[in-house]
Amino acid sequence: MGFGGISIWQLLIILLIVVVLFGTKKLKSIGADLGGAVKGFRGAVRDGEANAPTATADATAPQDKIEQGRTGESRVIDGTATVNTKDKA
């Protein structure tokens, strides 16, 4: 018995059908693309962990505030930008 009740012969038949449908060149390029994507993802995770802010930096960072006006307009106040989300019709 193989993986989850599938025998080795059933896996070989599935592999043969996939090779016939896609061809070896297409499977090789798919494998290379998938490997490159996994390698890029791992690199991004490592970079993200290296550049992650410490707990003290999070505690001292200014927090954005959302302010609701009397007219129903919403805006974000962070000292650098104000965004008015109310449509003027």
PDB file of N, CA and C in Angstrom:
ATOM      1  N   MET A   1       0.843  -1.179   0.000  1.00  0.00           N
ATOM      2  CA  MET A   1       0.000   0.000   0.000  1.00  0.00           C
ATOM      3  C   MET A   1       0.888   1.243   0.000  1.00  0.00           C
ATOM      4  N   GLY A   2       0.506   2.258  -0.751  1.00  0.00           N
ATOM      5  CA  GLY A   2       1.296   3.468  -0.905  1.00  0.00           C
ATOM      6  C   GLY A   2       0.760   4.613  -0.062  1.00  0.00           C
ATOM      7  N   PHE A   3       0.595   5.731  -0.692  1.00  0.00           N
ATOM      8  CA  PHE A   3       0.171   6.959  -0.027  1.00  0.00           C
ATOM      9  C   PHE A   3      -1.348   7.006   0.063  1.00  0.00           C
ATOM     10  N   GLY A   4      -1.885   6.904   1.261  1.00  0.00           N
ATOM     11  CA  GLY A   4      -3.321   7.055   1.472  1.00  0.00           C
ATOM     12  C   GLY A   4      -4.162   6.039   0.725  1.00  0.00           C
ATOM     13  N   GLY A   5      -3.695   4.814   0.606  1.00  0.00           N
ATOM     14  CA  GLY A   5      -4.469   3.781  -0.058  1.00  0.00           C
ATOM     15  C   GLY A   5      -4.208   3.681  -1.555  1.00  0.00           C
ATOM     16  N   ILE A   6      -3.289   4.489  -2.085  1.00  0.00           N
ATOM     17  CA  ILE A   6      -2.958   4.424  -3.508  1.00  0.00           C
ATOM     18  C   ILE A   6      -1.676   3.614  -3.645  1.00  0.00           C
ATOM     19  N   SER A   7      -1.724   2.570  -4.468  1.00  0.00           N
ATOM     20  CA  SER A   7      -0.544   1.715  -4.627  1.00  0.00           C
ATOM     21  C   SER A   7       0.467   2.387  -5.563  1.00  0.00           C
ATOM     22  N   ILE A   8       1.653   1.831  -5.607  1.00  0.00           N
ATOM     23  CA  ILE A   8       2.716   2.361  -6.439  1.00  0.00           C
ATOM     24  C   ILE A   8       2.355   2.252  -7.913  1.00  0.00           C
ATOM     25  N   TRP A   9       1.614   1.209  -8.294  1.00  0.00           N
ATOM     26  CA  TRP A   9       1.221   1.036  -9.697  1.00  0.00           C
ATOM     27  C   TRP A   9       0.238   2.123 -10.128  1.00  0.00           C
ATOM     28  N   GLN A  10      -0.665   2.484  -9.242  1.00  0.00           N
ATOM     29  CA  GLN A  10      -1.608   3.552  -9.565  1.00  0.00           C
ATOM     30  C   GLN A  10      -0.880   4.894  -9.714  1.00  0.00           C
ATOM     31  N   LEU A  11       0.116   5.139  -8.870  1.00  0.00           N
ATOM     32  CA  LEU A  11       0.906   6.363  -8.990  1.00  0.00           C
ATOM     33  C   LEU A  11       1.681   6.395 -10.305  1.00  0.00           C
ATOM     34  N   LEU A  12       2.240   5.258 -10.706  1.00  0.00           N
ATOM     35  CA  LEU A  12       2.966   5.193 -11.971  1.00  0.00           C
ATOM     36  C   LEU A  12       2.049   5.430 -13.166  1.00  0.00           C
ATOM     37  N   ILE A  13       0.841   4.903 -13.131  1.00  0.00           N
ATOM     38  CA  ILE A  13      -0.120   5.121 -14.215  1.00  0.00           C
ATOM     39  C   ILE A  13      -0.502   6.600 -14.298  1.00  0.00           C
ATOM     40  N   ILE A  14      -0.729   7.239 -13.161  1.00  0.00           N
ATOM     41  CA  ILE A  14      -1.050   8.668 -13.132  1.00  0.00           C
ATOM     42  C   ILE A  14       0.121   9.477 -13.686  1.00  0.00           C
ATOM     43  N   LEU A  15       1.338   9.138 -13.292  1.00  0.00           N
ATOM     44  CA  LEU A  15       2.530   9.826 -13.794  1.00  0.00           C
ATOM     45  C   LEU A  15       2.656   9.657 -15.309  1.00  0.00           C
ATOM     46  N   LEU A  16       2.403   8.474 -15.817  1.00  0.00           N
ATOM     47  CA  LEU A  16       2.463   8.221 -17.255  1.00  0.00           C
ATOM     48  C   LEU A  16       1.426   9.063 -18.002  1.00  0.00           C
ATOM     49  N   ILE A  17       0.223   9.158 -17.479  1.00  0.00           N
ATOM     50  CA  ILE A  17      -0.833   9.966 -18.115  1.00  0.00           C
ATOM     51  C   ILE A  17      -0.443  11.440 -18.119  1.00  0.00           C
ATOM     52  N   VAL A  18       0.127  11.935 -17.022  1.00  0.00           N
ATOM     53  CA  VAL A  18       0.544  13.337 -16.948  1.00  0.00           C
ATOM     54  C   VAL A  18       1.650  13.616 -17.958  1.00  0.00           C
ATOM     55  N   VAL A  19       2.600  12.713 -18.100  1.00  0.00           N
ATOM     56  CA  VAL A  19       3.694  12.895 -19.058  1.00  0.00           C
ATOM     57  C   VAL A  19       3.153  12.888 -20.482  1.00  0.00           C
ATOM     58  N   VAL A  20       2.202  12.018 -20.770  1.00  0.00           N
ATOM     59  CA  VAL A  20       1.627  11.970 -22.112  1.00  0.00           C
ATOM     60  C   VAL A  20       0.847  13.248 -22.406  1.00  0.00           C
ATOM     61  N   LEU A  21       0.098  13.743 -21.440  1.00  0.00           N
ATOM     62  CA  LEU A  21      -0.698  14.951 -21.660  1.00  0.00           C
ATOM     63  C   LEU A  21       0.155  16.201 -21.833  1.00  0.00           C
ATOM     64  N   PHE A  22       1.136  16.395 -20.976  1.00  0.00           N
ATOM     65  CA  PHE A  22       1.895  17.640 -20.968  1.00  0.00           C
ATOM     66  C   PHE A  22       3.231  17.556 -21.699  1.00  0.00           C
ATOM     67  N   GLY A  23       3.833  16.403 -21.759  1.00  0.00           N
ATOM     68  CA  GLY A  23       5.149  16.281 -22.375  1.00  0.00           C
ATOM     69  C   GLY A  23       6.239  16.588 -21.368  1.00  0.00           C
ATOM     70  N   THR A  24       7.426  16.072 -21.645  1.00  0.00           N
ATOM     71  CA  THR A  24       8.520  16.222 -20.684  1.00  0.00           C
ATOM     72  C   THR A  24       9.058  17.641 -20.637  1.00  0.00           C
ATOM     73  N   LYS A  25       9.066  18.360 -21.771  1.00  0.00           N
ATOM     74  CA  LYS A  25       9.581  19.730 -21.773  1.00  0.00           C
ATOM     75  C   LYS A  25       8.689  20.649 -20.956  1.00  0.00           C
ATOM     76  N   LYS A  26       7.383  20.486 -21.107  1.00  0.00           N
ATOM     77  CA  LYS A  26       6.451  21.332 -20.351  1.00  0.00           C
ATOM     78  C   LYS A  26       6.557  21.024 -18.855  1.00  0.00           C
ATOM     79  N   LEU A  27       6.676  19.752 -18.499  1.00  0.00           N
ATOM     80  CA  LEU A  27       6.817  19.388 -17.086  1.00  0.00           C
ATOM     81  C   LEU A  27       8.121  19.925 -16.515  1.00  0.00           C
ATOM     82  N   LYS A  28       9.186  19.920 -17.321  1.00  0.00           N
ATOM     83  CA  LYS A  28      10.473  20.447 -16.854  1.00  0.00           C
ATOM     84  C   LYS A  28      10.365  21.939 -16.595  1.00  0.00           C
ATOM     85  N   SER A  29       9.706  22.674 -17.488  1.00  0.00           N
ATOM     86  CA  SER A  29       9.571  24.123 -17.281  1.00  0.00           C
ATOM     87  C   SER A  29       8.655  24.430 -16.097  1.00  0.00           C
ATOM     88  N   ILE A  30       7.612  23.636 -15.914  1.00  0.00           N
ATOM     89  CA  ILE A  30       6.732  23.829 -14.753  1.00  0.00           C
ATOM     90  C   ILE A  30       7.510  23.577 -13.468  1.00  0.00           C
ATOM     91  N   GLY A  31       8.315  22.532 -13.445  1.00  0.00           N
ATOM     92  CA  GLY A  31       9.124  22.234 -12.268  1.00  0.00           C
ATOM     93  C   GLY A  31      10.132  23.335 -11.967  1.00  0.00           C
ATOM     94  N   ALA A  32      10.757  23.872 -13.025  1.00  0.00           N
ATOM     95  CA  ALA A  32      11.725  24.946 -12.825  1.00  0.00           C
ATOM     96  C   ALA A  32      11.036  26.209 -12.301  1.00  0.00           C
ATOM     97  N   ASP A  33       9.867  26.531 -12.849  1.00  0.00           N
ATOM     98  CA  ASP A  33       9.112  27.699 -12.380  1.00  0.00           C
ATOM     99  C   ASP A  33       8.673  27.535 -10.931  1.00  0.00           C
ATOM    100  N   LEU A  34       8.212  26.341 -10.601  1.00  0.00           N
ATOM    101  CA  LEU A  34       7.781  26.076  -9.230  1.00  0.00           C
ATOM    102  C   LEU A  34       8.957  26.153  -8.261  1.00  0.00           C
ATOM    103  N   GLY A  35      10.091  25.604  -8.650  1.00  0.00           N
ATOM    104  CA  GLY A  35      11.285  25.671  -7.807  1.00  0.00           C
ATOM    105  C   GLY A  35      11.758  27.104  -7.599  1.00  0.00           C
ATOM    106  N   GLY A  36      11.711  27.914  -8.653  1.00  0.00           N
ATOM    107  CA  GLY A  36      12.090  29.318  -8.537  1.00  0.00           C
ATOM    108  C   GLY A  36      11.144  30.091  -7.624  1.00  0.00           C
ATOM    109  N   ALA A  37       9.859  29.756  -7.711  1.00  0.00           N
ATOM    110  CA  ALA A  37       8.880  30.426  -6.855  1.00  0.00           C
ATOM    111  C   ALA A  37       9.097  30.074  -5.387  1.00  0.00           C
ATOM    112  N   VAL A  38       9.372  28.811  -5.113  1.00  0.00           N
ATOM    113  CA  VAL A  38       9.626  28.385  -3.731  1.00  0.00           C
ATOM    114  C   VAL A  38      10.905  29.036  -3.207  1.00  0.00           C
ATOM    115  N   LYS A  39      11.931  29.106  -4.044  1.00  0.00           N
ATOM    116  CA  LYS A  39      13.194  29.735  -3.637  1.00  0.00           C
ATOM    117  C   LYS A  39      12.987  31.223  -3.346  1.00  0.00           C
ATOM    118  N   GLY A  40      12.217  31.904  -4.185  1.00  0.00           N
ATOM    119  CA  GLY A  40      11.919  33.313  -3.957  1.00  0.00           C
ATOM    120  C   GLY A  40      11.106  33.536  -2.694  1.00  0.00           C
ATOM    121  N   PHE A  41      10.157  32.644  -2.439  1.00  0.00           N
ATOM    122  CA  PHE A  41       9.342  32.747  -1.230  1.00  0.00           C
ATOM    123  C   PHE A  41      10.197  32.571   0.020  1.00  0.00           C
ATOM    124  N   ARG A  42      11.074  31.587  -0.004  1.00  0.00           N
ATOM    125  CA  ARG A  42      11.954  31.364   1.150  1.00  0.00           C
ATOM    126  C   ARG A  42      12.865  32.571   1.392  1.00  0.00           C
ATOM    127  N   GLY A  43      13.391  33.145   0.310  1.00  0.00           N
ATOM    128  CA  GLY A  43      14.245  34.327   0.441  1.00  0.00           C
ATOM    129  C   GLY A  43      13.477  35.507   1.018  1.00  0.00           C
ATOM    130  N   ALA A  44      12.225  35.677   0.583  1.00  0.00           N
ATOM    131  CA  ALA A  44      11.403  36.775   1.101  1.00  0.00           C
ATOM    132  C   ALA A  44      11.089  36.572   2.577  1.00  0.00           C
ATOM    133  N   VAL A  45      10.859  35.328   2.979  1.00  0.00           N
ATOM    134  CA  VAL A  45      10.585  35.047   4.395  1.00  0.00           C
ATOM    135  C   VAL A  45      11.818  35.349   5.231  1.00  0.00           C
ATOM    136  N   ARG A  46      12.992  34.956   4.751  1.00  0.00           N
ATOM    137  CA  ARG A  46      14.229  35.244   5.484  1.00  0.00           C
ATOM    138  C   ARG A  46      14.466  36.741   5.587  1.00  0.00           C
ATOM    139  N   ASP A  47      14.249  37.468   4.489  1.00  0.00           N
ATOM    140  CA  ASP A  47      14.422  38.922   4.514  1.00  0.00           C
ATOM    141  C   ASP A  47      13.412  39.581   5.445  1.00  0.00           C
ATOM    142  N   GLY A  48      12.192  39.069   5.448  1.00  0.00           N
ATOM    143  CA  GLY A  48      11.160  39.614   6.322  1.00  0.00           C
ATOM    144  C   GLY A  48      11.491  39.409   7.786  1.00  0.00           C
ATOM    145  N   GLU A  49      12.050  38.253   8.122  1.00  0.00           N
ATOM    146  CA  GLU A  49      12.430  37.993   9.510  1.00  0.00           C
ATOM    147  C   GLU A  49      13.612  38.867   9.919  1.00  0.00           C
ATOM    148  N   ALA A  50      14.534  39.098   9.006  1.00  0.00           N
ATOM    149  CA  ALA A  50      15.702  39.921   9.319  1.00  0.00           C
ATOM    150  C   ALA A  50      15.321  41.385   9.481  1.00  0.00           C
ATOM    151  N   ASN A  51      14.326  41.849   8.735  1.00  0.00           N
ATOM    152  CA  ASN A  51      13.909  43.242   8.785  1.00  0.00           C
ATOM    153  C   ASN A  51      12.729  43.490   9.714  1.00  0.00           C
ATOM    154  N   ALA A  52      12.292  42.468  10.448  1.00  0.00           N
ATOM    155  CA  ALA A  52      11.129  42.615  11.323  1.00  0.00           C
ATOM    156  C   ALA A  52      11.440  43.602  12.449  1.00  0.00           C
ATOM    157  N   PRO A  53      10.511  44.514  12.729  1.00  0.00           N
ATOM    158  CA  PRO A  53      10.738  45.468  13.823  1.00  0.00           C
ATOM    159  C   PRO A  53      10.680  44.769  15.173  1.00  0.00           C
ATOM    160  N   THR A  54      11.379  45.337  16.115  1.00  0.00           N
ATOM    161  CA  THR A  54      11.368  44.766  17.460  1.00  0.00           C
ATOM    162  C   THR A  54      10.108  45.194  18.184  1.00  0.00           C
ATOM    163  N   ALA A  55       9.832  44.607  19.333  1.00  0.00           N
ATOM    164  CA  ALA A  55       8.624  44.911  20.092  1.00  0.00           C
ATOM    165  C   ALA A  55       8.643  46.343  20.600  1.00  0.00           C
ATOM    166  N   THR A  56       9.803  46.887  20.931  1.00  0.00           N
ATOM    167  CA  THR A  56       9.865  48.259  21.437  1.00  0.00           C
ATOM    168  C   THR A  56       9.571  49.260  20.333  1.00  0.00           C
ATOM    169  N   ALA A  57       9.947  48.939  19.087  1.00  0.00           N
ATOM    170  CA  ALA A  57       9.663  49.848  17.985  1.00  0.00           C
ATOM    171  C   ALA A  57       8.164  49.903  17.711  1.00  0.00           C
ATOM    172  N   ASP A  58       7.464  48.776  17.869  1.00  0.00           N
ATOM    173  CA  ASP A  58       6.020  48.769  17.667  1.00  0.00           C
ATOM    174  C   ASP A  58       5.306  49.590  18.728  1.00  0.00           C
ATOM    175  N   ALA A  59       5.793  49.541  19.949  1.00  0.00           N
ATOM    176  CA  ALA A  59       5.130  50.242  21.044  1.00  0.00           C
ATOM    177  C   ALA A  59       5.291  51.753  20.927  1.00  0.00           C
ATOM    178  N   THR A  60       6.395  52.213  20.331  1.00  0.00           N
ATOM    179  CA  THR A  60       6.629  53.649  20.239  1.00  0.00           C
ATOM    180  C   THR A  60       6.163  54.251  18.926  1.00  0.00           C
ATOM    181  N   ALA A  61       5.749  53.417  17.961  1.00  0.00           N
ATOM    182  CA  ALA A  61       5.309  53.928  16.665  1.00  0.00           C
ATOM    183  C   ALA A  61       3.965  54.633  16.816  1.00  0.00           C
ATOM    184  N   PRO A  62       3.783  55.772  16.139  1.00  0.00           N
ATOM    185  CA  PRO A  62       2.501  56.465  16.227  1.00  0.00           C
ATOM    186  C   PRO A  62       1.401  55.660  15.547  1.00  0.00           C
ATOM    187  N   GLN A  63       0.249  55.663  16.114  1.00  0.00           N
ATOM    188  CA  GLN A  63      -0.883  54.930  15.580  1.00  0.00           C
ATOM    189  C   GLN A  63      -1.784  55.873  14.800  1.00  0.00           C
ATOM    190  N   ASP A  64      -2.294  55.416  13.657  1.00  0.00           N
ATOM    191  CA  ASP A  64      -3.233  56.204  12.883  1.00  0.00           C
ATOM    192  C   ASP A  64      -4.577  56.241  13.599  1.00  0.00           C
ATOM    193  N   LYS A  65      -5.262  57.340  13.469  1.00  0.00           N
ATOM    194  CA  LYS A  65      -6.567  57.483  14.092  1.00  0.00           C
ATOM    195  C   LYS A  65      -7.599  57.703  13.001  1.00  0.00           C
ATOM    196  N   ILE A  66      -8.763  57.102  13.167  1.00  0.00           N
ATOM    197  CA  ILE A  66      -9.861  57.317  12.236  1.00  0.00           C
ATOM    198  C   ILE A  66     -10.868  58.200  12.942  1.00  0.00           C
ATOM    199  N   GLU A  67     -11.193  59.291  12.297  1.00  0.00           N
ATOM    200  CA  GLU A  67     -12.081  60.272  12.899  1.00  0.00           C
ATOM    201  C   GLU A  67     -13.358  60.345  12.074  1.00  0.00           C
ATOM    202  N   GLN A  68     -14.496  60.252  12.728  1.00  0.00           N
ATOM    203  CA  GLN A  68     -15.785  60.326  12.056  1.00  0.00           C
ATOM    204  C   GLN A  68     -16.370  61.707  12.305  1.00  0.00           C
ATOM    205  N   GLY A  69     -16.622  62.445  11.233  1.00  0.00           N
ATOM    206  CA  GLY A  69     -17.183  63.782  11.361  1.00  0.00           C
ATOM    207  C   GLY A  69     -18.695  63.761  11.484  1.00  0.00           C
ATOM    208  N   ARG A  70     -19.283  64.929  11.774  1.00  0.00           N
ATOM    209  CA  ARG A  70     -20.737  65.016  11.910  1.00  0.00           C
ATOM    210  C   ARG A  70     -21.457  64.796  10.584  1.00  0.00           C
ATOM    211  N   THR A  71     -20.807  65.076   9.477  1.00  0.00           N
ATOM    212  CA  THR A  71     -21.445  64.950   8.169  1.00  0.00           C
ATOM    213  C   THR A  71     -21.303  63.554   7.576  1.00  0.00           C
ATOM    214  N   GLY A  72     -20.708  62.622   8.298  1.00  0.00           N
ATOM    215  CA  GLY A  72     -20.553  61.255   7.814  1.00  0.00           C
ATOM    216  C   GLY A  72     -19.272  61.019   7.047  1.00  0.00           C
ATOM    217  N   GLU A  73     -18.407  62.021   6.992  1.00  0.00           N
ATOM    218  CA  GLU A  73     -17.146  61.835   6.293  1.00  0.00           C
ATOM    219  C   GLU A  73     -16.141  61.163   7.213  1.00  0.00           C
ATOM    220  N   SER A  74     -15.307  60.327   6.624  1.00  0.00           N
ATOM    221  CA  SER A  74     -14.264  59.635   7.383  1.00  0.00           C
ATOM    222  C   SER A  74     -12.928  60.115   6.890  1.00  0.00           C
ATOM    223  N   ARG A  75     -11.995  60.273   7.791  1.00  0.00           N
ATOM    224  CA  ARG A  75     -10.654  60.651   7.390  1.00  0.00           C
ATOM    225  C   ARG A  75      -9.645  60.036   8.340  1.00  0.00           C
ATOM    226  N   VAL A  76      -8.472  59.787   7.804  1.00  0.00           N
ATOM    227  CA  VAL A  76      -7.392  59.212   8.593  1.00  0.00           C
ATOM    228  C   VAL A  76      -6.442  60.343   8.951  1.00  0.00           C
ATOM    229  N   ILE A  77      -6.165  60.480  10.230  1.00  0.00           N
ATOM    230  CA  ILE A  77      -5.288  61.539  10.705  1.00  0.00           C
ATOM    231  C   ILE A  77      -4.000  60.880  11.190  1.00  0.00           C
ATOM    232  N   ASP A  78      -2.892  61.151  10.518  1.00  0.00           N
ATOM    233  CA  ASP A  78      -1.622  60.601  10.974  1.00  0.00           C
ATOM    234  C   ASP A  78      -0.527  61.652  10.938  1.00  0.00           C
ATOM    235  N   GLY A  79      -0.881  62.906  10.795  1.00  0.00           N
ATOM    236  CA  GLY A  79       0.092  63.967  10.798  1.00  0.00           C
ATOM    237  C   GLY A  79       0.699  64.256   9.438  1.00  0.00           C
ATOM    238  N   THR A  80       0.524  63.335   8.478  1.00  0.00           N
ATOM    239  CA  THR A  80       1.099  63.564   7.156  1.00  0.00           C
ATOM    240  C   THR A  80       0.044  63.639   6.060  1.00  0.00           C
ATOM    241  N   ALA A  81      -1.115  63.043   6.264  1.00  0.00           N
ATOM    242  CA  ALA A  81      -2.112  63.037   5.211  1.00  0.00           C
ATOM    243  C   ALA A  81      -3.515  63.020   5.785  1.00  0.00           C
ATOM    244  N   THR A  82      -4.430  63.602   5.063  1.00  0.00           N
ATOM    245  CA  THR A  82      -5.834  63.563   5.401  1.00  0.00           C
ATOM    246  C   THR A  82      -6.591  63.091   4.174  1.00  0.00           C
ATOM    247  N   VAL A  83      -7.409  62.077   4.342  1.00  0.00           N
ATOM    248  CA  VAL A  83      -8.149  61.525   3.221  1.00  0.00           C
ATOM    249  C   VAL A  83      -9.631  61.674   3.499  1.00  0.00           C
ATOM    250  N   ASN A  84     -10.343  62.306   2.584  1.00  0.00           N
ATOM    251  CA  ASN A  84     -11.774  62.472   2.713  1.00  0.00           C
ATOM    252  C   ASN A  84     -12.438  61.399   1.869  1.00  0.00           C
ATOM    253  N   THR A  85     -13.253  60.554   2.485  1.00  0.00           N
ATOM    254  CA  THR A  85     -13.854  59.447   1.759  1.00  0.00           C
ATOM    255  C   THR A  85     -15.287  59.714   1.358  1.00  0.00           C
ATOM    256  N   LYS A  86     -15.863  60.840   1.711  1.00  0.00           N
ATOM    257  CA  LYS A  86     -17.253  61.132   1.375  1.00  0.00           C
ATOM    258  C   LYS A  86     -17.329  61.602  -0.081  1.00  0.00           C
ATOM    259  N   ASP A  87     -18.214  60.982  -0.846  1.00  0.00           N
ATOM    260  CA  ASP A  87     -18.413  61.404  -2.236  1.00  0.00           C
ATOM    261  C   ASP A  87     -19.269  62.643  -2.265  1.00  0.00           C
ATOM    262  N   LYS A  88     -18.873  63.595  -3.079  1.00  0.00           N
ATOM    263  CA  LYS A  88     -19.665  64.813  -3.223  1.00  0.00           C
ATOM    264  C   LYS A  88     -20.484  64.687  -4.493  1.00  0.00           C
ATOM    265  N   ALA A  89     -21.753  64.403  -4.307  1.00  0.00           N
ATOM    266  CA  ALA A  89     -22.623  64.166  -5.468  1.00  0.00           C
ATOM    267  C   ALA A  89     -23.416  65.400  -5.812  1.00  0.00           C
TER     268      ALA A  89
END
